[in-house]
């Protein structure tokens, strides 16, 4: 088992950004948060068409390693793998909802049309 190094943060928000920061992780989490339930990789790819398959898999692995999402593999042919928010990930629900609400207000204020409304 790998020994994890202890990180020191100047402010707690640094820890949050380390886990959910970046262009893709937040989008992945928002789709898992507002979706109808667990999502397959292909469903996430369809929901975020700009992300490459390689980047999607990498981001999903990192979120799983950080305990934010869970990956469930079903023993069937062809294999079925789904992702969903973990208990720890669900603790981000209010933050994700607030980001979504802020984004809707910002879009409305700028009179842009959202490509996806939840």
N, C-alpha and C. Protein backbone atom coordinates (compact mmCIF):
# COMPACT_ATOMS: atom_id res chain seq x y z
N UNK A 1 0.83 -1.17 0.00
CA UNK A 1 0.00 0.00 0.00
C UNK A 1 0.88 1.24 0.00
N UNK A 2 0.53 2.23 -0.84
CA UNK A 2 1.32 3.44 -0.94
C UNK A 2 1.17 4.28 0.31
N UNK A 3 2.27 4.88 0.70
CA UNK A 3 2.24 5.77 1.85
C UNK A 3 1.84 7.15 1.34
N UNK A 4 0.77 7.70 1.90
CA UNK A 4 0.31 9.01 1.47
C UNK A 4 1.06 10.09 2.23
N UNK A 5 1.47 11.12 1.48
CA UNK A 5 2.16 12.23 2.11
C UNK A 5 1.13 13.20 2.68
N UNK A 6 1.49 13.82 3.80
CA UNK A 6 0.61 14.79 4.43
C UNK A 6 0.83 16.14 3.78
N UNK A 7 -0.25 16.75 3.33
CA UNK A 7 -0.18 18.06 2.70
C UNK A 7 -0.56 19.13 3.71
N UNK A 8 0.05 20.27 3.57
CA UNK A 8 -0.30 21.43 4.37
C UNK A 8 -0.97 22.44 3.45
N UNK A 9 -2.10 22.96 3.89
CA UNK A 9 -2.85 23.93 3.10
C UNK A 9 -2.86 25.26 3.82
N UNK A 10 -2.77 26.33 3.04
CA UNK A 10 -2.83 27.68 3.63
C UNK A 10 -4.26 28.01 4.05
N UNK A 11 -5.22 27.57 3.25
CA UNK A 11 -6.63 27.73 3.59
C UNK A 11 -7.36 26.46 3.18
N UNK A 12 -8.47 26.12 3.83
CA UNK A 12 -9.19 24.88 3.52
C UNK A 12 -9.66 24.78 2.07
N UNK A 13 -9.93 25.92 1.44
CA UNK A 13 -10.39 25.89 0.04
C UNK A 13 -9.35 25.25 -0.88
N UNK A 14 -8.07 25.31 -0.50
CA UNK A 14 -7.03 24.66 -1.30
C UNK A 14 -7.26 23.15 -1.37
N UNK A 15 -7.65 22.56 -0.26
CA UNK A 15 -7.92 21.12 -0.24
C UNK A 15 -9.10 20.80 -1.15
N UNK A 16 -10.12 21.64 -1.10
CA UNK A 16 -11.30 21.44 -1.95
C UNK A 16 -10.91 21.51 -3.42
N UNK A 17 -10.16 22.54 -3.78
CA UNK A 17 -9.75 22.70 -5.18
C UNK A 17 -8.83 21.58 -5.64
N UNK A 18 -8.03 21.05 -4.73
CA UNK A 18 -7.15 19.94 -5.10
C UNK A 18 -7.97 18.72 -5.52
N UNK A 19 -9.10 18.52 -4.85
CA UNK A 19 -9.93 17.35 -5.12
C UNK A 19 -10.90 17.57 -6.28
N UNK A 20 -11.57 18.73 -6.34
CA UNK A 20 -12.61 18.92 -7.36
C UNK A 20 -12.26 20.00 -8.38
N UNK A 21 -11.05 20.57 -8.27
CA UNK A 21 -10.66 21.63 -9.18
C UNK A 21 -10.39 21.13 -10.59
N UNK A 22 -10.24 22.08 -11.48
CA UNK A 22 -9.97 21.76 -12.87
C UNK A 22 -11.22 21.84 -13.71
N UNK A 23 -11.03 21.76 -14.99
CA UNK A 23 -12.12 21.94 -15.95
C UNK A 23 -13.12 20.79 -15.93
N UNK A 24 -12.67 19.56 -15.80
CA UNK A 24 -13.54 18.41 -16.02
C UNK A 24 -14.15 17.82 -14.77
N UNK A 25 -13.44 17.79 -13.67
CA UNK A 25 -13.98 17.12 -12.47
C UNK A 25 -15.28 17.75 -12.01
N UNK A 26 -15.34 19.06 -12.03
CA UNK A 26 -16.55 19.74 -11.58
C UNK A 26 -17.72 19.41 -12.50
N UNK A 27 -17.47 19.36 -13.81
CA UNK A 27 -18.55 19.00 -14.74
C UNK A 27 -19.02 17.56 -14.51
N UNK A 28 -18.08 16.67 -14.31
CA UNK A 28 -18.43 15.26 -14.03
C UNK A 28 -19.28 15.18 -12.78
N UNK A 29 -18.86 15.86 -11.72
CA UNK A 29 -19.60 15.83 -10.46
C UNK A 29 -20.99 16.45 -10.60
N UNK A 30 -21.09 17.53 -11.36
CA UNK A 30 -22.40 18.15 -11.56
C UNK A 30 -23.35 17.20 -12.28
N UNK A 31 -22.86 16.48 -13.27
CA UNK A 31 -23.72 15.52 -13.98
C UNK A 31 -24.11 14.35 -13.08
N UNK A 32 -23.17 13.88 -12.27
CA UNK A 32 -23.51 12.79 -11.34
C UNK A 32 -24.46 13.27 -10.25
N UNK A 33 -24.32 14.53 -9.87
CA UNK A 33 -25.17 15.11 -8.82
C UNK A 33 -26.61 15.31 -9.29
N UNK A 34 -26.78 15.78 -10.51
CA UNK A 34 -28.13 16.11 -10.98
C UNK A 34 -28.73 15.03 -11.86
N UNK A 35 -28.00 13.97 -12.10
CA UNK A 35 -28.50 12.90 -12.96
C UNK A 35 -29.55 12.04 -12.28
N UNK A 36 -30.15 11.13 -13.07
CA UNK A 36 -31.20 10.27 -12.53
C UNK A 36 -30.67 9.14 -11.65
N UNK A 37 -29.36 8.99 -11.57
CA UNK A 37 -28.78 7.90 -10.79
C UNK A 37 -27.38 7.62 -11.30
N UNK A 38 -26.86 6.43 -11.01
CA UNK A 38 -25.53 6.08 -11.48
C UNK A 38 -25.43 6.22 -13.00
N UNK A 39 -24.25 6.63 -13.47
CA UNK A 39 -24.05 6.83 -14.90
C UNK A 39 -22.90 5.98 -15.42
N UNK A 40 -23.08 5.49 -16.62
CA UNK A 40 -22.02 4.75 -17.30
C UNK A 40 -21.05 5.76 -17.91
N UNK A 41 -19.85 5.28 -18.22
CA UNK A 41 -18.85 6.14 -18.85
C UNK A 41 -19.39 6.76 -20.13
N UNK A 42 -20.07 5.97 -20.94
CA UNK A 42 -20.61 6.47 -22.21
C UNK A 42 -21.65 7.56 -22.00
N UNK A 43 -22.43 7.46 -20.93
CA UNK A 43 -23.42 8.50 -20.63
C UNK A 43 -22.75 9.81 -20.22
N UNK A 44 -21.68 9.69 -19.44
CA UNK A 44 -20.92 10.89 -19.06
C UNK A 44 -20.26 11.51 -20.27
N UNK A 45 -19.72 10.68 -21.15
CA UNK A 45 -19.08 11.17 -22.37
C UNK A 45 -20.09 11.90 -23.24
N UNK A 46 -21.29 11.37 -23.33
CA UNK A 46 -22.34 12.01 -24.12
C UNK A 46 -22.76 13.34 -23.48
N UNK A 47 -22.77 13.39 -22.15
CA UNK A 47 -23.16 14.60 -21.43
C UNK A 47 -22.08 15.68 -21.51
N UNK A 48 -20.82 15.26 -21.69
CA UNK A 48 -19.69 16.19 -21.77
C UNK A 48 -18.92 15.89 -23.06
N UNK A 49 -19.47 16.24 -24.21
CA UNK A 49 -18.86 15.82 -25.49
C UNK A 49 -17.46 16.39 -25.74
N UNK A 50 -17.09 17.49 -25.10
CA UNK A 50 -15.78 18.10 -25.33
C UNK A 50 -14.63 17.32 -24.69
N UNK A 51 -14.92 16.48 -23.71
CA UNK A 51 -13.87 15.74 -23.00
C UNK A 51 -13.47 14.51 -23.83
N UNK A 52 -12.17 14.22 -23.83
CA UNK A 52 -11.72 13.01 -24.52
C UNK A 52 -11.99 11.80 -23.62
N UNK A 53 -12.08 10.65 -24.23
CA UNK A 53 -12.30 9.41 -23.47
C UNK A 53 -11.17 9.20 -22.46
N UNK A 54 -9.94 9.44 -22.89
CA UNK A 54 -8.78 9.25 -22.01
C UNK A 54 -8.86 10.18 -20.79
N UNK A 55 -9.20 11.45 -21.03
CA UNK A 55 -9.30 12.41 -19.92
C UNK A 55 -10.45 12.06 -19.00
N UNK A 56 -11.57 11.63 -19.55
CA UNK A 56 -12.72 11.24 -18.74
C UNK A 56 -12.34 10.11 -17.79
N UNK A 57 -11.71 9.08 -18.33
CA UNK A 57 -11.30 7.93 -17.50
C UNK A 57 -10.31 8.37 -16.42
N UNK A 58 -9.35 9.22 -16.79
CA UNK A 58 -8.36 9.71 -15.83
C UNK A 58 -9.03 10.48 -14.70
N UNK A 59 -9.96 11.36 -15.04
CA UNK A 59 -10.65 12.17 -14.03
C UNK A 59 -11.53 11.31 -13.14
N UNK A 60 -12.21 10.32 -13.73
CA UNK A 60 -13.03 9.40 -12.94
C UNK A 60 -12.16 8.62 -11.95
N UNK A 61 -11.00 8.17 -12.40
CA UNK A 61 -10.09 7.43 -11.51
C UNK A 61 -9.63 8.30 -10.35
N UNK A 62 -9.28 9.56 -10.65
CA UNK A 62 -8.83 10.45 -9.58
C UNK A 62 -9.95 10.73 -8.57
N UNK A 63 -11.15 10.95 -9.07
CA UNK A 63 -12.28 11.19 -8.17
C UNK A 63 -12.57 9.95 -7.32
N UNK A 64 -12.40 8.78 -7.92
CA UNK A 64 -12.60 7.53 -7.16
C UNK A 64 -11.50 7.38 -6.10
N UNK A 65 -10.25 7.65 -6.47
CA UNK A 65 -9.15 7.56 -5.51
C UNK A 65 -9.33 8.51 -4.34
N UNK A 66 -9.91 9.69 -4.60
CA UNK A 66 -10.14 10.66 -3.55
C UNK A 66 -11.40 10.36 -2.74
N UNK A 67 -12.14 9.32 -3.12
CA UNK A 67 -13.32 8.90 -2.36
C UNK A 67 -14.57 9.71 -2.66
N UNK A 68 -14.56 10.48 -3.75
CA UNK A 68 -15.69 11.35 -4.08
C UNK A 68 -16.76 10.60 -4.86
N UNK A 69 -16.35 9.64 -5.67
CA UNK A 69 -17.30 8.82 -6.41
C UNK A 69 -17.00 7.35 -6.17
N UNK A 70 -17.99 6.51 -6.43
CA UNK A 70 -17.76 5.07 -6.36
C UNK A 70 -17.96 4.48 -7.75
N UNK A 71 -17.20 3.45 -8.01
CA UNK A 71 -17.24 2.74 -9.30
C UNK A 71 -17.76 1.35 -9.00
N UNK A 72 -18.82 0.96 -9.70
CA UNK A 72 -19.39 -0.37 -9.52
C UNK A 72 -19.29 -1.13 -10.84
N UNK A 73 -18.70 -2.32 -10.77
CA UNK A 73 -18.55 -3.16 -11.96
C UNK A 73 -19.51 -4.33 -11.82
N UNK A 74 -20.36 -4.51 -12.83
CA UNK A 74 -21.30 -5.62 -12.83
C UNK A 74 -20.71 -6.77 -13.63
N UNK A 75 -20.79 -7.97 -13.06
CA UNK A 75 -20.22 -9.15 -13.69
C UNK A 75 -21.17 -9.67 -14.75
N UNK A 76 -21.06 -9.09 -15.94
CA UNK A 76 -21.90 -9.51 -17.06
C UNK A 76 -21.11 -9.29 -18.35
N UNK A 77 -21.63 -9.81 -19.44
CA UNK A 77 -20.99 -9.64 -20.74
C UNK A 77 -21.94 -8.88 -21.63
N UNK A 78 -21.54 -7.74 -22.20
CA UNK A 78 -20.27 -7.05 -21.94
C UNK A 78 -20.28 -6.43 -20.55
N UNK A 79 -19.08 -6.15 -20.02
CA UNK A 79 -18.99 -5.60 -18.67
C UNK A 79 -19.74 -4.27 -18.56
N UNK A 80 -20.36 -4.06 -17.42
CA UNK A 80 -21.08 -2.81 -17.16
C UNK A 80 -20.43 -2.14 -15.96
N UNK A 81 -20.03 -0.90 -16.14
CA UNK A 81 -19.40 -0.12 -15.08
C UNK A 81 -20.21 1.16 -14.92
N UNK A 82 -20.58 1.48 -13.69
CA UNK A 82 -21.31 2.72 -13.42
C UNK A 82 -20.60 3.51 -12.32
N UNK A 83 -20.80 4.81 -12.37
CA UNK A 83 -20.23 5.72 -11.38
C UNK A 83 -21.35 6.48 -10.71
N UNK A 84 -21.16 6.73 -9.41
CA UNK A 84 -22.13 7.52 -8.66
C UNK A 84 -21.40 8.23 -7.52
N UNK A 85 -22.07 9.20 -6.96
CA UNK A 85 -21.49 9.94 -5.85
C UNK A 85 -21.37 9.02 -4.63
N UNK A 86 -20.23 9.07 -3.96
CA UNK A 86 -20.05 8.32 -2.71
C UNK A 86 -20.69 9.12 -1.58
N UNK A 87 -20.64 8.57 -0.39
CA UNK A 87 -21.17 9.30 0.76
C UNK A 87 -20.42 10.62 0.94
N UNK A 88 -19.09 10.56 0.79
CA UNK A 88 -18.29 11.77 0.87
C UNK A 88 -18.64 12.73 -0.26
N UNK A 89 -18.83 12.20 -1.45
CA UNK A 89 -19.21 13.02 -2.60
C UNK A 89 -20.55 13.70 -2.41
N UNK A 90 -21.47 12.99 -1.79
CA UNK A 90 -22.80 13.57 -1.54
C UNK A 90 -22.73 14.78 -0.61
N UNK A 91 -21.66 14.86 0.18
CA UNK A 91 -21.50 16.03 1.05
C UNK A 91 -21.20 17.29 0.24
N UNK A 92 -20.90 17.13 -1.05
CA UNK A 92 -20.68 18.27 -1.95
C UNK A 92 -21.96 18.75 -2.62
N UNK A 93 -23.07 18.06 -2.39
CA UNK A 93 -24.33 18.36 -3.09
C UNK A 93 -24.73 19.83 -2.98
N UNK A 94 -24.70 20.38 -1.78
CA UNK A 94 -25.14 21.77 -1.62
C UNK A 94 -24.20 22.73 -2.37
N UNK A 95 -22.92 22.44 -2.36
CA UNK A 95 -21.96 23.28 -3.09
C UNK A 95 -22.22 23.21 -4.58
N UNK A 96 -22.42 21.99 -5.10
CA UNK A 96 -22.68 21.81 -6.53
C UNK A 96 -23.99 22.49 -6.93
N UNK A 97 -25.00 22.36 -6.08
CA UNK A 97 -26.29 23.02 -6.35
C UNK A 97 -26.13 24.54 -6.38
N UNK A 98 -25.36 25.07 -5.44
CA UNK A 98 -25.14 26.51 -5.40
C UNK A 98 -24.37 27.00 -6.63
N UNK A 99 -23.39 26.23 -7.08
CA UNK A 99 -22.65 26.59 -8.29
C UNK A 99 -23.59 26.59 -9.50
N UNK A 100 -24.48 25.62 -9.54
CA UNK A 100 -25.44 25.54 -10.64
C UNK A 100 -26.38 26.75 -10.63
N UNK A 101 -26.88 27.09 -9.46
CA UNK A 101 -27.78 28.24 -9.33
C UNK A 101 -27.06 29.54 -9.72
N UNK A 102 -25.82 29.69 -9.26
CA UNK A 102 -25.06 30.88 -9.59
C UNK A 102 -24.85 30.96 -11.11
N UNK A 103 -24.53 29.82 -11.72
CA UNK A 103 -24.33 29.77 -13.17
C UNK A 103 -25.59 30.16 -13.93
N UNK A 104 -26.74 29.69 -13.47
CA UNK A 104 -28.01 30.04 -14.11
C UNK A 104 -28.25 31.55 -14.03
N UNK A 105 -27.99 32.13 -12.86
CA UNK A 105 -28.17 33.58 -12.71
C UNK A 105 -27.20 34.34 -13.60
N UNK A 106 -25.98 33.88 -13.67
CA UNK A 106 -24.97 34.52 -14.50
C UNK A 106 -25.36 34.46 -15.98
N UNK A 107 -25.80 33.30 -16.42
CA UNK A 107 -26.23 33.13 -17.82
C UNK A 107 -27.40 34.07 -18.12
N UNK A 108 -28.36 34.09 -17.20
CA UNK A 108 -29.54 34.96 -17.40
C UNK A 108 -29.12 36.43 -17.44
N UNK A 109 -28.24 36.80 -16.54
CA UNK A 109 -27.76 38.19 -16.48
C UNK A 109 -27.06 38.57 -17.78
N UNK A 110 -26.33 37.64 -18.35
CA UNK A 110 -25.59 37.90 -19.59
C UNK A 110 -26.44 37.61 -20.83
N UNK A 111 -27.63 37.12 -20.58
CA UNK A 111 -28.57 36.77 -21.65
C UNK A 111 -28.01 35.72 -22.61
N UNK A 112 -27.26 34.74 -22.05
CA UNK A 112 -26.79 33.61 -22.82
C UNK A 112 -27.79 32.49 -22.66
N UNK A 113 -27.78 31.58 -23.57
CA UNK A 113 -28.68 30.43 -23.49
C UNK A 113 -27.86 29.21 -23.05
N UNK A 114 -28.25 28.56 -21.92
CA UNK A 114 -27.51 27.36 -21.48
C UNK A 114 -27.78 26.21 -22.44
N UNK A 115 -26.74 25.40 -22.66
CA UNK A 115 -26.93 24.25 -23.55
C UNK A 115 -27.56 23.08 -22.81
N UNK A 116 -27.53 23.12 -21.48
CA UNK A 116 -28.11 22.04 -20.68
C UNK A 116 -28.74 22.68 -19.44
N UNK A 117 -29.98 22.41 -19.24
CA UNK A 117 -30.62 22.92 -18.01
C UNK A 117 -31.11 21.74 -17.20
N UNK A 118 -30.88 21.78 -15.89
CA UNK A 118 -31.21 20.66 -15.03
C UNK A 118 -32.35 20.88 -14.20
